[in-house]
PDB file of N, CA and C in Angstrom:
ATOM      1  N   UNK A   1      67.319 -23.936  56.448  1.00  0.00           N
ATOM      2  CA  UNK A   1      67.184 -22.996  56.957  1.00  0.00           C
ATOM      3  C   UNK A   1      66.129 -21.794  55.957  1.00  0.00           C
ATOM      4  N   UNK A   2      66.152 -21.588  54.718  1.00  0.00           N
ATOM      5  CA  UNK A   2      65.086 -21.786  53.591  1.00  0.00           C
ATOM      6  C   UNK A   2      63.668 -21.952  53.932  1.00  0.00           C
ATOM      7  N   UNK A   3      64.043 -23.160  53.898  1.00  0.00           N
ATOM      8  CA  UNK A   3      62.650 -23.626  54.003  1.00  0.00           C
ATOM      9  C   UNK A   3      61.942 -23.444  55.253  1.00  0.00           C
ATOM     10  N   UNK A   4      62.348 -23.107  56.334  1.00  0.00           N
ATOM     11  CA  UNK A   4      61.952 -22.438  57.666  1.00  0.00           C
ATOM     12  C   UNK A   4      61.390 -21.488  57.145  1.00  0.00           C
ATOM     13  N   UNK A   5      61.968 -20.622  56.639  1.00  0.00           N
ATOM     14  CA  UNK A   5      61.637 -18.814  56.228  1.00  0.00           C
ATOM     15  C   UNK A   5      60.542 -19.058  55.433  1.00  0.00           C
ATOM     16  N   UNK A   6      60.487 -19.870  54.279  1.00  0.00           N
ATOM     17  CA  UNK A   6      59.343 -20.026  53.158  1.00  0.00           C
ATOM     18  C   UNK A   6      58.244 -20.089  54.188  1.00  0.00           C
ATOM     19  N   UNK A   7      58.432 -21.040  55.019  1.00  0.00           N
ATOM     20  CA  UNK A   7      57.033 -22.029  55.709  1.00  0.00           C
ATOM     21  C   UNK A   7      56.594 -20.476  56.724  1.00  0.00           C
ATOM     22  N   UNK A   8      57.455 -19.874  57.471  1.00  0.00           N
ATOM     23  CA  UNK A   8      57.142 -18.954  58.522  1.00  0.00           C
ATOM     24  C   UNK A   8      56.150 -17.661  57.575  1.00  0.00           C
ATOM     25  N   UNK A   9      57.157 -17.548  56.161  1.00  0.00           N
ATOM     26  CA  UNK A   9      56.152 -16.936  55.506  1.00  0.00           C
ATOM     27  C   UNK A   9      55.040 -17.082  55.049  1.00  0.00           C
ATOM     28  N   UNK A  10      54.468 -18.000  54.541  1.00  0.00           N
ATOM     29  CA  UNK A  10      54.005 -18.727  54.261  1.00  0.00           C
ATOM     30  C   UNK A  10      52.566 -18.520  55.293  1.00  0.00           C
ATOM     31  N   UNK A  11      52.734 -19.293  56.523  1.00  0.00           N
ATOM     32  CA  UNK A  11      52.209 -19.003  57.675  1.00  0.00           C
ATOM     33  C   UNK A  11      51.618 -17.646  57.760  1.00  0.00           C
ATOM     34  N   UNK A  12      52.245 -16.613  57.972  1.00  0.00           N
ATOM     35  CA  UNK A  12      52.583 -15.018  58.278  1.00  0.00           C
ATOM     36  C   UNK A  12      51.069 -14.887  57.084  1.00  0.00           C
ATOM     37  N   UNK A  13      51.308 -14.798  56.133  1.00  0.00           N
ATOM     38  CA  UNK A  13      50.303 -14.728  54.829  1.00  0.00           C
ATOM     39  C   UNK A  13      49.002 -15.167  55.144  1.00  0.00           C
ATOM     40  N   UNK A  14      48.979 -16.400  55.004  1.00  0.00           N
ATOM     41  CA  UNK A  14      47.877 -17.299  55.558  1.00  0.00           C
ATOM     42  C   UNK A  14      46.892 -16.681  56.413  1.00  0.00           C
ATOM     43  N   UNK A  15      47.852 -16.363  57.339  1.00  0.00           N
ATOM     44  CA  UNK A  15      46.970 -15.394  58.999  1.00  0.00           C
ATOM     45  C   UNK A  15      46.165 -14.294  58.459  1.00  0.00           C
ATOM     46  N   UNK A  16      46.992 -13.515  57.973  1.00  0.00           N
ATOM     47  CA  UNK A  16      46.951 -12.214  57.661  1.00  0.00           C
ATOM     48  C   UNK A  16      45.529 -12.050  56.548  1.00  0.00           C
ATOM     49  N   UNK A  17      45.721 -13.249  55.590  1.00  0.00           N
ATOM     50  CA  UNK A  17      44.710 -13.359  54.538  1.00  0.00           C
ATOM     51  C   UNK A  17      43.477 -13.675  55.406  1.00  0.00           C
ATOM     52  N   UNK A  18      43.464 -14.366  56.297  1.00  0.00           N
ATOM     53  CA  UNK A  18      42.062 -15.453  56.858  1.00  0.00           C
ATOM     54  C   UNK A  18      41.702 -14.242  57.864  1.00  0.00           C
ATOM     55  N   UNK A  19      42.608 -13.199  58.486  1.00  0.00           N
ATOM     56  CA  UNK A  19      42.331 -12.373  59.004  1.00  0.00           C
ATOM     57  C   UNK A  19      41.479 -11.129  58.443  1.00  0.00           C
ATOM     58  N   UNK A  20      41.574 -10.624  57.133  1.00  0.00           N
ATOM     59  CA  UNK A  20      41.480  -9.616  56.341  1.00  0.00           C
ATOM     60  C   UNK A  20      40.057 -10.232  55.857  1.00  0.00           C
ATOM     61  N   UNK A  21      39.408 -11.482  55.628  1.00  0.00           N
ATOM     62  CA  UNK A  21      38.705 -12.404  54.595  1.00  0.00           C
ATOM     63  C   UNK A  21      37.058 -11.896  55.312  1.00  0.00           C
ATOM     64  N   UNK A  22      36.882 -11.414  56.547  1.00  0.00           N
ATOM     65  CA  UNK A  22      36.120 -11.057  57.832  1.00  0.00           C
ATOM     66  C   UNK A  22      35.469  -9.950  56.997  1.00  0.00           C
ATOM     67  N   UNK A  23      34.555  -9.751  56.518  1.00  0.00           N
ATOM     68  CA  UNK A  23      33.747  -8.466  55.858  1.00  0.00           C
ATOM     69  C   UNK A  23      32.492  -8.795  55.276  1.00  0.00           C
ATOM     70  N   UNK A  24      31.981  -7.533  54.163  1.00  0.00           N
ATOM     71  CA  UNK A  24      30.709  -7.397  54.009  1.00  0.00           C
ATOM     72  C   UNK A  24      30.274  -8.618  53.104  1.00  0.00           C
ATOM     73  N   UNK A  25      30.939  -9.688  52.748  1.00  0.00           N
ATOM     74  CA  UNK A  25      30.751 -11.436  52.118  1.00  0.00           C
ATOM     75  C   UNK A  25      30.338 -11.818  53.182  1.00  0.00           C
ATOM     76  N   UNK A  26      30.142 -11.686  54.480  1.00  0.00           N
ATOM     77  CA  UNK A  26      29.990 -12.462  55.820  1.00  0.00           C
ATOM     78  C   UNK A  26      28.346 -12.028  55.951  1.00  0.00           C
ATOM     79  N   UNK A  27      27.851 -11.188  55.246  1.00  0.00           N
ATOM     80  CA  UNK A  27      26.955 -10.534  56.054  1.00  0.00           C
ATOM     81  C   UNK A  27      25.752 -11.392  54.457  1.00  0.00           C
ATOM     82  N   UNK A  28      24.452 -11.700  55.036  1.00  0.00           N
ATOM     83  CA  UNK A  28      23.699 -12.310  54.317  1.00  0.00           C
ATOM     84  C   UNK A  28      22.233 -12.144  54.777  1.00  0.00           C
ATOM     85  N   UNK A  29      21.202 -11.970  53.515  1.00  0.00           N
ATOM     86  CA  UNK A  29      19.776 -11.383  53.493  1.00  0.00           C
ATOM     87  C   UNK A  29      19.062 -12.769  53.848  1.00  0.00           C
ATOM     88  N   UNK A  30      18.767 -13.453  55.252  1.00  0.00           N
ATOM     89  CA  UNK A  30      18.437 -14.464  55.426  1.00  0.00           C
ATOM     90  C   UNK A  30      17.133 -14.835  55.178  1.00  0.00           C
ATOM     91  N   UNK A  31      16.281 -13.729  55.552  1.00  0.00           N
ATOM     92  CA  UNK A  31      14.734 -13.472  55.346  1.00  0.00           C
ATOM     93  C   UNK A  31      14.235 -12.387  54.314  1.00  0.00           C
ATOM     94  N   UNK A  32      13.680 -12.164  53.788  1.00  0.00           N
ATOM     95  CA  UNK A  32      12.587 -11.191  53.213  1.00  0.00           C
ATOM     96  C   UNK A  32      10.937 -11.333  53.106  1.00  0.00           C
ATOM     97  N   UNK A  33      10.676 -10.229  53.853  1.00  0.00           N
ATOM     98  CA  UNK A  33       8.980 -10.223  53.525  1.00  0.00           C
ATOM     99  C   UNK A  33       8.421  -8.872  53.063  1.00  0.00           C
ATOM    100  N   UNK A  34       8.275  -8.964  51.688  1.00  0.00           N
ATOM    101  CA  UNK A  34       8.230  -7.507  51.407  1.00  0.00           C
ATOM    102  C   UNK A  34       6.664  -7.050  51.789  1.00  0.00           C
ATOM    103  N   UNK A  35       5.617  -8.023  51.515  1.00  0.00           N
ATOM    104  CA  UNK A  35       4.181  -7.933  51.360  1.00  0.00           C
ATOM    105  C   UNK A  35       3.529  -8.418  52.960  1.00  0.00           C
ATOM    106  N   UNK A  36       3.561  -7.969  54.113  1.00  0.00           N
ATOM    107  CA  UNK A  36       3.659  -8.450  55.301  1.00  0.00           C
ATOM    108  C   UNK A  36       2.014  -8.431  55.592  1.00  0.00           C
ATOM    109  N   UNK A  37       1.097  -9.375  55.390  1.00  0.00           N
ATOM    110  CA  UNK A  37      -0.064  -9.171  55.729  1.00  0.00           C
ATOM    111  C   UNK A  37      -0.777 -10.072  56.750  1.00  0.00           C
ATOM    112  N   UNK A  38      -0.083 -10.971  56.958  1.00  0.00           N
ATOM    113  CA  UNK A  38      -0.318 -11.963  58.317  1.00  0.00           C
ATOM    114  C   UNK A  38       0.420 -12.171  58.846  1.00  0.00           C
ATOM    115  N   UNK A  39       2.066 -11.646  59.291  1.00  0.00           N
ATOM    116  CA  UNK A  39       3.179 -12.045  60.210  1.00  0.00           C
ATOM    117  C   UNK A  39       2.923 -11.095  61.305  1.00  0.00           C
ATOM    118  N   UNK A  40       4.280 -10.919  61.533  1.00  0.00           N
ATOM    119  CA  UNK A  40       4.840  -9.974  62.738  1.00  0.00           C
ATOM    120  C   UNK A  40       4.000  -8.604  62.834  1.00  0.00           C
ATOM    121  N   UNK A  41       3.717  -8.212  63.884  1.00  0.00           N
ATOM    122  CA  UNK A  41       2.868  -6.792  64.161  1.00  0.00           C
ATOM    123  C   UNK A  41       4.000  -6.267  64.724  1.00  0.00           C
ATOM    124  N   UNK A  42       4.169  -5.024  64.668  1.00  0.00           N
ATOM    125  CA  UNK A  42       5.663  -3.778  65.091  1.00  0.00           C
ATOM    126  C   UNK A  42       4.572  -3.398  66.473  1.00  0.00           C
ATOM    127  N   UNK A  43       5.261  -3.018  67.521  1.00  0.00           N
ATOM    128  CA  UNK A  43       4.972  -2.224  68.907  1.00  0.00           C
ATOM    129  C   UNK A  43       3.625  -1.468  68.736  1.00  0.00           C
ATOM    130  N   UNK A  44       3.360  -0.653  67.512  1.00  0.00           N
ATOM    131  CA  UNK A  44       2.130   0.061  67.346  1.00  0.00           C
ATOM    132  C   UNK A  44       1.034  -0.478  66.295  1.00  0.00           C
ATOM    133  N   UNK A  45       1.461  -1.479  66.100  1.00  0.00           N
ATOM    134  CA  UNK A  45       0.057  -2.425  65.502  1.00  0.00           C
ATOM    135  C   UNK A  45      -0.194  -2.433  63.918  1.00  0.00           C
ATOM    136  N   UNK A  46       1.183  -2.007  63.330  1.00  0.00           N
ATOM    137  CA  UNK A  46       1.370  -1.849  61.741  1.00  0.00           C
ATOM    138  C   UNK A  46       1.823  -3.255  61.430  1.00  0.00           C
ATOM    139  N   UNK A  47       1.930  -3.894  59.862  1.00  0.00           N
ATOM    140  CA  UNK A  47       2.624  -4.948  59.534  1.00  0.00           C
ATOM    141  C   UNK A  47       3.479  -4.306  58.076  1.00  0.00           C
ATOM    142  N   UNK A  48       4.880  -3.526  58.584  1.00  0.00           N
ATOM    143  CA  UNK A  48       5.905  -3.248  57.771  1.00  0.00           C
ATOM    144  C   UNK A  48       6.818  -4.249  57.101  1.00  0.00           C
ATOM    145  N   UNK A  49       6.783  -4.391  56.098  1.00  0.00           N
ATOM    146  CA  UNK A  49       8.173  -4.987  55.353  1.00  0.00           C
ATOM    147  C   UNK A  49       9.395  -5.182  56.254  1.00  0.00           C
ATOM    148  N   UNK A  50       9.751  -6.567  56.596  1.00  0.00           N
ATOM    149  CA  UNK A  50      11.040  -6.504  57.151  1.00  0.00           C
ATOM    150  C   UNK A  50      12.152  -7.853  56.267  1.00  0.00           C
ATOM    151  N   UNK A  51      13.274  -7.382  57.268  1.00  0.00           N
ATOM    152  CA  UNK A  51      14.440  -8.297  56.568  1.00  0.00           C
ATOM    153  C   UNK A  51      14.902  -8.834  57.774  1.00  0.00           C
ATOM    154  N   UNK A  52      15.667  -9.982  57.222  1.00  0.00           N
ATOM    155  CA  UNK A  52      16.247 -10.406  58.670  1.00  0.00           C
ATOM    156  C   UNK A  52      17.700 -10.636  58.005  1.00  0.00           C
ATOM    157  N   UNK A  53      18.829  -9.784  58.777  1.00  0.00           N
ATOM    158  CA  UNK A  53      19.674 -10.038  58.279  1.00  0.00           C
ATOM    159  C   UNK A  53      21.184 -10.995  59.113  1.00  0.00           C
ATOM    160  N   UNK A  54      21.645 -11.518  58.503  1.00  0.00           N
ATOM    161  CA  UNK A  54      22.480 -12.888  58.822  1.00  0.00           C
ATOM    162  C   UNK A  54      24.246 -12.848  58.572  1.00  0.00           C
ATOM    163  N   UNK A  55      24.624 -13.033  60.201  1.00  0.00           N
ATOM    164  CA  UNK A  55      26.135 -13.001  59.854  1.00  0.00           C
ATOM    165  C   UNK A  55      26.868 -14.038  60.294  1.00  0.00           C
ATOM    166  N   UNK A  56      27.322 -14.609  58.852  1.00  0.00           N
ATOM    167  CA  UNK A  56      27.890 -16.099  59.113  1.00  0.00           C
ATOM    168  C   UNK A  56      29.589 -16.084  59.245  1.00  0.00           C
ATOM    169  N   UNK A  57      29.806 -15.073  60.210  1.00  0.00           N
ATOM    170  CA  UNK A  57      30.918 -15.254  60.091  1.00  0.00           C
ATOM    171  C   UNK A  57      31.279 -15.494  62.088  1.00  0.00           C
ATOM    172  N   UNK A  58      32.563 -15.260  62.358  1.00  0.00           N
ATOM    173  CA  UNK A  58      32.310 -15.730  64.190  1.00  0.00           C
ATOM    174  C   UNK A  58      32.663 -14.325  64.913  1.00  0.00           C
ATOM    175  N   UNK A  59      33.012 -13.327  64.411  1.00  0.00           N
ATOM    176  CA  UNK A  59      32.952 -12.346  65.144  1.00  0.00           C
ATOM    177  C   UNK A  59      31.909 -11.331  64.476  1.00  0.00           C
ATOM    178  N   UNK A  60      31.715  -9.818  65.294  1.00  0.00           N
ATOM    179  CA  UNK A  60      30.692  -9.065  65.027  1.00  0.00           C
ATOM    180  C   UNK A  60      31.181  -7.980  63.651  1.00  0.00           C
ATOM    181  N   UNK A  61      29.923  -7.642  63.517  1.00  0.00           N
ATOM    182  CA  UNK A  61      30.643  -6.940  61.712  1.00  0.00           C
ATOM    183  C   UNK A  61      29.024  -5.583  62.293  1.00  0.00           C
ATOM    184  N   UNK A  62      30.028  -4.148  62.160  1.00  0.00           N
ATOM    185  CA  UNK A  62      28.878  -3.286  62.161  1.00  0.00           C
ATOM    186  C   UNK A  62      28.610  -3.052  60.753  1.00  0.00           C
ATOM    187  N   UNK A  63      27.147  -2.999  60.324  1.00  0.00           N
ATOM    188  CA  UNK A  63      26.398  -2.955  59.461  1.00  0.00           C
ATOM    189  C   UNK A  63      25.725  -1.600  59.082  1.00  0.00           C
ATOM    190  N   UNK A  64      25.781  -0.513  59.812  1.00  0.00           N
ATOM    191  CA  UNK A  64      25.554   0.635  59.943  1.00  0.00           C
ATOM    192  C   UNK A  64      25.733   1.766  59.019  1.00  0.00           C
ATOM    193  N   UNK A  65      26.941   1.570  58.127  1.00  0.00           N
ATOM    194  CA  UNK A  65      27.076   2.097  56.997  1.00  0.00           C
ATOM    195  C   UNK A  65      26.419   1.475  55.715  1.00  0.00           C
ATOM    196  N   UNK A  66      25.614   0.359  55.784  1.00  0.00           N
ATOM    197  CA  UNK A  66      25.167  -0.224  54.782  1.00  0.00           C
ATOM    198  C   UNK A  66      23.668  -0.106  54.508  1.00  0.00           C
ATOM    199  N   UNK A  67      22.917  -0.095  53.208  1.00  0.00           N
ATOM    200  CA  UNK A  67      22.023   0.137  53.091  1.00  0.00           C
ATOM    201  C   UNK A  67      21.347  -0.173  51.958  1.00  0.00           C
ATOM    202  N   UNK A  68      19.888  -0.093  51.592  1.00  0.00           N
ATOM    203  CA  UNK A  68      19.171  -0.702  50.315  1.00  0.00           C
ATOM    204  C   UNK A  68      19.011   0.257  49.208  1.00  0.00           C
ATOM    205  N   UNK A  69      19.269  -0.051  48.313  1.00  0.00           N
ATOM    206  CA  UNK A  69      18.725   0.824  47.070  1.00  0.00           C
ATOM    207  C   UNK A  69      18.264   0.027  45.916  1.00  0.00           C
ATOM    208  N   UNK A  70      17.593   0.879  45.014  1.00  0.00           N
ATOM    209  CA  UNK A  70      16.966   0.070  43.758  1.00  0.00           C
ATOM    210  C   UNK A  70      17.945   1.412  42.503  1.00  0.00           C
ATOM    211  N   UNK A  71      18.645   2.579  43.608  1.00  0.00           N
ATOM    212  CA  UNK A  71      18.808   3.628  42.411  1.00  0.00           C
ATOM    213  C   UNK A  71      20.811   3.196  42.062  1.00  0.00           C
ATOM    214  N   UNK A  72      21.250   2.774  41.025  1.00  0.00           N
ATOM    215  CA  UNK A  72      22.317   2.398  41.052  1.00  0.00           C
ATOM    216  C   UNK A  72      22.966   3.685  41.028  1.00  0.00           C
ATOM    217  N   UNK A  73      22.969   4.787  40.588  1.00  0.00           N
ATOM    218  CA  UNK A  73      23.484   5.811  40.779  1.00  0.00           C
ATOM    219  C   UNK A  73      24.330   6.209  41.875  1.00  0.00           C
ATOM    220  N   UNK A  74      23.580   6.207  43.085  1.00  0.00           N
ATOM    221  CA  UNK A  74      24.402   6.155  44.332  1.00  0.00           C
ATOM    222  C   UNK A  74      25.581   5.682  44.557  1.00  0.00           C
ATOM    223  N   UNK A  75      25.578   4.460  43.517  1.00  0.00           N
ATOM    224  CA  UNK A  75      26.875   3.286  43.886  1.00  0.00           C
ATOM    225  C   UNK A  75      28.140   4.047  43.266  1.00  0.00           C
ATOM    226  N   UNK A  76      28.067   5.390  42.679  1.00  0.00           N
ATOM    227  CA  UNK A  76      29.285   5.884  42.016  1.00  0.00           C
ATOM    228  C   UNK A  76      30.428   6.416  43.038  1.00  0.00           C
ATOM    229  N   UNK A  77      31.544   5.871  43.199  1.00  0.00           N
ATOM    230  CA  UNK A  77      32.709   5.848  43.817  1.00  0.00           C
ATOM    231  C   UNK A  77      33.050   7.546  44.409  1.00  0.00           C
ATOM    232  N   UNK A  78      32.710   8.230  43.182  1.00  0.00           N
ATOM    233  CA  UNK A  78      33.274   9.466  43.196  1.00  0.00           C
ATOM    234  C   UNK A  78      32.065  10.688  44.068  1.00  0.00           C
ATOM    235  N   UNK A  79      31.069   9.914  44.191  1.00  0.00           N
ATOM    236  CA  UNK A  79      30.117  10.933  44.967  1.00  0.00           C
ATOM    237  C   UNK A  79      30.461  10.526  46.994  1.00  0.00           C
ATOM    238  N   UNK A  80      30.268  11.698  47.790  1.00  0.00           N
ATOM    239  CA  UNK A  80      30.257  11.858  48.609  1.00  0.00           C
ATOM    240  C   UNK A  80      28.864  11.534  49.469  1.00  0.00           C
ATOM    241  N   UNK A  81      29.541  10.981  50.413  1.00  0.00           N
ATOM    242  CA  UNK A  81      27.858  10.198  51.569  1.00  0.00           C
ATOM    243  C   UNK A  81      26.929  10.919  51.082  1.00  0.00           C
ATOM    244  N   UNK A  82      27.215  12.908  52.026  1.00  0.00           N
ATOM    245  CA  UNK A  82      25.721  13.437  51.605  1.00  0.00           C
ATOM    246  C   UNK A  82      25.277  14.022  50.369  1.00  0.00           C
ATOM    247  N   UNK A  83      25.630  13.304  49.156  1.00  0.00           N
ATOM    248  CA  UNK A  83      24.937  13.660  48.026  1.00  0.00           C
ATOM    249  C   UNK A  83      24.842  12.026  47.466  1.00  0.00           C
ATOM    250  N   UNK A  84      24.613  11.341  48.699  1.00  0.00           N
ATOM    251  CA  UNK A  84      24.315  10.015  48.102  1.00  0.00           C
ATOM    252  C   UNK A  84      23.241   9.887  48.810  1.00  0.00           C
ATOM    253  N   UNK A  85      22.863  10.551  50.166  1.00  0.00           N
ATOM    254  CA  UNK A  85      21.979  10.539  51.218  1.00  0.00           C
ATOM    255  C   UNK A  85      20.729  11.467  50.788  1.00  0.00           C
ATOM    256  N   UNK A  86      21.217  12.782  49.719  1.00  0.00           N
ATOM    257  CA  UNK A  86      20.404  13.567  49.539  1.00  0.00           C
ATOM    258  C   UNK A  86      20.042  12.905  47.834  1.00  0.00           C
ATOM    259  N   UNK A  87      20.584  11.955  47.696  1.00  0.00           N
ATOM    260  CA  UNK A  87      19.907  11.350  46.076  1.00  0.00           C
ATOM    261  C   UNK A  87      18.847  10.490  46.672  1.00  0.00           C
ATOM    262  N   UNK A  88      19.051   9.756  47.789  1.00  0.00           N
ATOM    263  CA  UNK A  88      18.073   8.614  48.311  1.00  0.00           C
ATOM    264  C   UNK A  88      17.083   9.449  48.819  1.00  0.00           C
ATOM    265  N   UNK A  89      16.955  10.152  49.478  1.00  0.00           N
ATOM    266  CA  UNK A  89      15.691  10.640  50.072  1.00  0.00           C
ATOM    267  C   UNK A  89      14.934  11.308  48.926  1.00  0.00           C
ATOM    268  N   UNK A  90      15.647  12.141  47.727  1.00  0.00           N
ATOM    269  CA  UNK A  90      14.676  12.571  46.452  1.00  0.00           C
ATOM    270  C   UNK A  90      14.068  11.498  45.618  1.00  0.00           C
ATOM    271  N   UNK A  91      15.053  10.110  45.645  1.00  0.00           N
ATOM    272  CA  UNK A  91      14.308   9.325  44.927  1.00  0.00           C
ATOM    273  C   UNK A  91      12.787   8.782  45.805  1.00  0.00           C
ATOM    274  N   UNK A  92      13.002   8.808  47.203  1.00  0.00           N
ATOM    275  CA  UNK A  92      11.576   8.346  47.967  1.00  0.00           C
ATOM    276  C   UNK A  92      10.033   9.017  47.665  1.00  0.00           C
TER     277      UNK A  92
END
């Protein structure tokens, strides 16, 4: 009886761990083009820099809250979202 209980607990733990494993670590930058001189042209005729984001998991992932920055101060966990946005706008 104890072996069955341990086996069931182990299976439950493994299934919840794998379900929680889907996250930002499954988002990858697949391609980055910073100096677009001869590649993709947008609908306005501009050649802008672009990135390609890849989701390596089997589920959907909302990347709406993610952004790129070179300013490490916006990574402060004590800072609120509006403060981060203002700091980013000032650096542009």
